[in-house]
Amino acid sequence: MAAATGASISLRSGPPQLHQNLLATSSIYGSRLVSLNASGRSSLSFRSTPQSVRLQVSCAAKKETVEKVCGIVKKQLALGDDQELSAESKFSDLGADSLDTVEIVMGLEEAFDISVEEDSAQSITTVQEAADLIEDLIEKKA
């Protein structure tokens, strides 16, 4: 029996044979049957390349907060009323540069009576991120 950390893979083999089938079990991807040819060698080595797993957790802000943020973004970027914005709208896709983003954050601070830390302000790229941060700051303030 062999074990490899990182991908949480364990290997079990049956009786020694020239061609052994090994069962690889991964805690992420389930069980897989792997066939390895030992070619008479007493030990085998192999490399497992972990695949990235993307997990996104979203704590959606209230609809009213998202709508208010959309209004402020439209105002700061001088977007027309016909311009559709959603929670997923990225500031950069709307033509905002770093100065525009600073102005958006300042407008949000004024409208919601909050203070946004500089590192938090730099990480805001979408309407949803801004709305989530606002609600978090309002909750901490209360």
C-alpha atoms as a PDB file:
ATOM      1  CA  MET A   1       0.000   0.000   0.000  1.00  0.00           C
ATOM      2  CA  ALA A   2       1.284   3.477  -0.879  1.00  0.00           C
ATOM      3  CA  ALA A   3      -0.014   6.928  -0.056  1.00  0.00           C
ATOM      4  CA  ALA A   4       0.542  10.374  -1.539  1.00  0.00           C
ATOM      5  CA  THR A   5      -0.412  13.579   0.244  1.00  0.00           C
ATOM      6  CA  GLY A   6      -1.773  16.721  -1.381  1.00  0.00           C
ATOM      7  CA  ALA A   7      -4.287  14.982  -3.616  1.00  0.00           C
ATOM      8  CA  SER A   8      -5.206  12.510  -0.831  1.00  0.00           C
ATOM      9  CA  ILE A   9      -4.582   9.493  -3.025  1.00  0.00           C
ATOM     10  CA  SER A  10      -4.049   6.032  -1.592  1.00  0.00           C
ATOM     11  CA  LEU A  11      -3.000   2.992  -3.595  1.00  0.00           C
ATOM     12  CA  ARG A  12      -3.623  -0.670  -2.859  1.00  0.00           C
ATOM     13  CA  SER A  13      -2.246  -3.539  -4.873  1.00  0.00           C
ATOM     14  CA  GLY A  14      -3.081  -7.205  -5.021  1.00  0.00           C
ATOM     15  CA  PRO A  15      -0.565 -10.054  -5.003  1.00  0.00           C
ATOM     16  CA  PRO A  16       2.733  -9.360  -6.821  1.00  0.00           C
ATOM     17  CA  GLN A  17       2.349  -9.862 -10.556  1.00  0.00           C
ATOM     18  CA  LEU A  18       4.191  -8.722 -13.617  1.00  0.00           C
ATOM     19  CA  HIS A  19       1.289  -6.396 -14.461  1.00  0.00           C
ATOM     20  CA  GLN A  20      -0.525  -5.091 -11.364  1.00  0.00           C
ATOM     21  CA  ASN A  21      -3.789  -3.202 -11.208  1.00  0.00           C
ATOM     22  CA  LEU A  22      -3.848  -0.576  -8.494  1.00  0.00           C
ATOM     23  CA  LEU A  23      -6.926   1.119  -7.082  1.00  0.00           C
ATOM     24  CA  ALA A  24      -6.378   4.858  -6.625  1.00  0.00           C
ATOM     25  CA  THR A  25      -8.787   6.587  -4.275  1.00  0.00           C
ATOM     26  CA  SER A  26      -9.029  10.347  -4.214  1.00  0.00           C
ATOM     27  CA  SER A  27     -11.002  12.183  -1.549  1.00  0.00           C
ATOM     28  CA  ILE A  28     -11.926  14.807  -4.152  1.00  0.00           C
ATOM     29  CA  TYR A  29     -12.559  12.850  -7.340  1.00  0.00           C
ATOM     30  CA  GLY A  30     -13.645   9.400  -6.047  1.00  0.00           C
ATOM     31  CA  SER A  31     -12.182   6.001  -6.925  1.00  0.00           C
ATOM     32  CA  ARG A  32     -10.348   5.280 -10.149  1.00  0.00           C
ATOM     33  CA  LEU A  33      -8.757   2.073 -11.388  1.00  0.00           C
ATOM     34  CA  VAL A  34      -5.193   2.668 -12.518  1.00  0.00           C
ATOM     35  CA  SER A  35      -3.164   0.111 -14.408  1.00  0.00           C
ATOM     36  CA  LEU A  36       0.603   0.210 -13.937  1.00  0.00           C
ATOM     37  CA  ASN A  37       3.175  -2.116 -15.452  1.00  0.00           C
ATOM     38  CA  ALA A  38       5.814  -3.055 -12.868  1.00  0.00           C
ATOM     39  CA  SER A  39       8.024  -4.772 -15.483  1.00  0.00           C
ATOM     40  CA  GLY A  40       9.617  -6.877 -12.769  1.00  0.00           C
ATOM     41  CA  ARG A  41      10.652  -3.869 -10.673  1.00  0.00           C
ATOM     42  CA  SER A  42      10.163  -3.970  -6.931  1.00  0.00           C
ATOM     43  CA  SER A  43       8.933  -0.367  -6.724  1.00  0.00           C
ATOM     44  CA  LEU A  44       7.078   2.069  -8.917  1.00  0.00           C
ATOM     45  CA  SER A  45       7.018   5.845  -8.868  1.00  0.00           C
ATOM     46  CA  PHE A  46       4.617   8.252 -10.479  1.00  0.00           C
ATOM     47  CA  ARG A  47       3.605  11.876 -10.224  1.00  0.00           C
ATOM     48  CA  SER A  48       0.099  13.069  -9.553  1.00  0.00           C
ATOM     49  CA  THR A  49      -0.714  16.513 -10.863  1.00  0.00           C
ATOM     50  CA  PRO A  50      -3.469  18.081  -8.743  1.00  0.00           C
ATOM     51  CA  GLN A  51      -6.235  19.824 -10.630  1.00  0.00           C
ATOM     52  CA  SER A  52      -7.403  23.138  -9.305  1.00  0.00           C
ATOM     53  CA  VAL A  53     -10.815  23.201  -7.718  1.00  0.00           C
ATOM     54  CA  ARG A  54     -12.572  26.548  -7.727  1.00  0.00           C
ATOM     55  CA  LEU A  55     -15.030  27.206  -4.983  1.00  0.00           C
ATOM     56  CA  GLN A  56     -16.954  30.430  -4.891  1.00  0.00           C
ATOM     57  CA  VAL A  57     -19.028  31.370  -1.891  1.00  0.00           C
ATOM     58  CA  SER A  58     -21.350  34.290  -2.253  1.00  0.00           C
ATOM     59  CA  CYS A  59     -23.265  36.019   0.481  1.00  0.00           C
ATOM     60  CA  ALA A  60     -25.650  37.970  -1.673  1.00  0.00           C
ATOM     61  CA  ALA A  61     -26.407  41.461  -0.483  1.00  0.00           C
ATOM     62  CA  LYS A  62     -29.961  42.734  -0.309  1.00  0.00           C
ATOM     63  CA  LYS A  63     -31.556  43.621  -3.621  1.00  0.00           C
ATOM     64  CA  GLU A  64     -32.022  47.222  -2.456  1.00  0.00           C
ATOM     65  CA  THR A  65     -28.304  47.551  -1.690  1.00  0.00           C
ATOM     66  CA  VAL A  66     -27.325  46.186  -5.115  1.00  0.00           C
ATOM     67  CA  GLU A  67     -29.764  48.573  -6.833  1.00  0.00           C
ATOM     68  CA  LYS A  68     -28.426  51.552  -4.888  1.00  0.00           C
ATOM     69  CA  VAL A  69     -24.841  50.584  -5.769  1.00  0.00           C
ATOM     70  CA  CYS A  70     -25.869  50.303  -9.440  1.00  0.00           C
ATOM     71  CA  GLY A  71     -27.296  53.836  -9.281  1.00  0.00           C
ATOM     72  CA  ILE A  72     -24.116  55.235  -7.757  1.00  0.00           C
ATOM     73  CA  VAL A  73     -21.936  53.451 -10.327  1.00  0.00           C
ATOM     74  CA  LYS A  74     -24.091  54.828 -13.163  1.00  0.00           C
ATOM     75  CA  LYS A  75     -23.805  58.333 -11.727  1.00  0.00           C
ATOM     76  CA  GLN A  76     -20.028  58.186 -11.146  1.00  0.00           C
ATOM     77  CA  LEU A  77     -19.347  56.750 -14.619  1.00  0.00           C
ATOM     78  CA  ALA A  78     -21.928  59.005 -16.322  1.00  0.00           C
ATOM     79  CA  LEU A  79     -23.705  56.015 -17.822  1.00  0.00           C
ATOM     80  CA  GLY A  80     -27.033  56.453 -19.558  1.00  0.00           C
ATOM     81  CA  ASP A  81     -30.315  55.232 -18.137  1.00  0.00           C
ATOM     82  CA  ASP A  82     -30.433  52.642 -20.911  1.00  0.00           C
ATOM     83  CA  GLN A  83     -27.175  51.047 -19.668  1.00  0.00           C
ATOM     84  CA  GLU A  84     -28.041  47.742 -17.975  1.00  0.00           C
ATOM     85  CA  LEU A  85     -26.171  46.969 -14.759  1.00  0.00           C
ATOM     86  CA  SER A  86     -26.390  43.826 -12.659  1.00  0.00           C
ATOM     87  CA  ALA A  87     -24.671  42.459  -9.569  1.00  0.00           C
ATOM     88  CA  GLU A  88     -22.123  40.763 -11.857  1.00  0.00           C
ATOM     89  CA  SER A  89     -21.235  43.987 -13.707  1.00  0.00           C
ATOM     90  CA  LYS A  90     -17.486  44.619 -13.580  1.00  0.00           C
ATOM     91  CA  PHE A  91     -16.317  48.186 -13.218  1.00  0.00           C
ATOM     92  CA  SER A  92     -13.561  47.622 -15.795  1.00  0.00           C
ATOM     93  CA  ASP A  93     -16.101  46.327 -18.344  1.00  0.00           C
ATOM     94  CA  LEU A  94     -18.029  49.575 -17.847  1.00  0.00           C
ATOM     95  CA  GLY A  95     -14.936  51.595 -18.777  1.00  0.00           C
ATOM     96  CA  ALA A  96     -13.825  52.481 -15.239  1.00  0.00           C
ATOM     97  CA  ASP A  97     -10.140  53.073 -14.570  1.00  0.00           C
ATOM     98  CA  SER A  98      -8.491  53.163 -11.122  1.00  0.00           C
ATOM     99  CA  LEU A  99      -9.471  56.826 -10.566  1.00  0.00           C
ATOM    100  CA  ASP A 100     -13.091  56.032 -11.465  1.00  0.00           C
ATOM    101  CA  THR A 101     -13.061  53.161  -8.986  1.00  0.00           C
ATOM    102  CA  VAL A 102     -11.798  55.498  -6.234  1.00  0.00           C
ATOM    103  CA  GLU A 103     -14.620  57.922  -7.062  1.00  0.00           C
ATOM    104  CA  ILE A 104     -17.158  55.075  -6.975  1.00  0.00           C
ATOM    105  CA  VAL A 105     -15.914  54.029  -3.523  1.00  0.00           C
ATOM    106  CA  MET A 106     -16.100  57.640  -2.307  1.00  0.00           C
ATOM    107  CA  GLY A 107     -19.668  57.879  -3.588  1.00  0.00           C
ATOM    108  CA  LEU A 108     -20.554  54.623  -1.801  1.00  0.00           C
ATOM    109  CA  GLU A 109     -18.991  55.878   1.447  1.00  0.00           C
ATOM    110  CA  GLU A 110     -21.057  59.048   1.283  1.00  0.00           C
ATOM    111  CA  ALA A 111     -24.323  57.363   0.299  1.00  0.00           C
ATOM    112  CA  PHE A 112     -24.113  54.604   2.935  1.00  0.00           C
ATOM    113  CA  ASP A 113     -22.316  56.627   5.644  1.00  0.00           C
ATOM    114  CA  ILE A 114     -19.459  54.135   5.870  1.00  0.00           C
ATOM    115  CA  SER A 115     -15.680  54.205   5.670  1.00  0.00           C
ATOM    116  CA  VAL A 116     -13.962  51.715   3.362  1.00  0.00           C
ATOM    117  CA  GLU A 117     -10.360  50.684   4.117  1.00  0.00           C
ATOM    118  CA  GLU A 118      -7.918  51.233   1.260  1.00  0.00           C
ATOM    119  CA  ASP A 119      -7.095  47.517   0.866  1.00  0.00           C
ATOM    120  CA  SER A 120     -10.809  46.662   0.742  1.00  0.00           C
ATOM    121  CA  ALA A 121     -11.450  49.445  -1.770  1.00  0.00           C
ATOM    122  CA  GLN A 122      -8.775  48.077  -4.106  1.00  0.00           C
ATOM    123  CA  SER A 123     -10.333  44.607  -4.084  1.00  0.00           C
ATOM    124  CA  ILE A 124     -13.773  45.780  -5.264  1.00  0.00           C
ATOM    125  CA  THR A 125     -14.237  44.927  -8.936  1.00  0.00           C
ATOM    126  CA  THR A 126     -17.983  44.252  -9.287  1.00  0.00           C
ATOM    127  CA  VAL A 127     -21.270  45.703  -8.104  1.00  0.00           C
ATOM    128  CA  GLN A 128     -21.867  42.545  -6.030  1.00  0.00           C
ATOM    129  CA  GLU A 129     -18.509  42.837  -4.262  1.00  0.00           C
ATOM    130  CA  ALA A 130     -19.261  46.469  -3.444  1.00  0.00           C
ATOM    131  CA  ALA A 131     -22.749  45.632  -2.132  1.00  0.00           C
ATOM    132  CA  ASP A 132     -21.450  42.720  -0.023  1.00  0.00           C
ATOM    133  CA  LEU A 133     -18.709  44.912   1.479  1.00  0.00           C
ATOM    134  CA  ILE A 134     -21.199  47.685   2.249  1.00  0.00           C
ATOM    135  CA  GLU A 135     -23.545  45.338   4.088  1.00  0.00           C
ATOM    136  CA  ASP A 136     -20.631  43.844   6.001  1.00  0.00           C
ATOM    137  CA  LEU A 137     -19.422  47.312   7.060  1.00  0.00           C
ATOM    138  CA  ILE A 138     -22.935  48.416   8.049  1.00  0.00           C
ATOM    139  CA  GLU A 139     -23.358  45.247  10.124  1.00  0.00           C
ATOM    140  CA  LYS A 140     -20.021  45.810  11.892  1.00  0.00           C
ATOM    141  CA  LYS A 141     -20.944  49.442  12.510  1.00  0.00           C
ATOM    142  CA  ALA A 142     -24.266  48.520  14.207  1.00  0.00           C
END
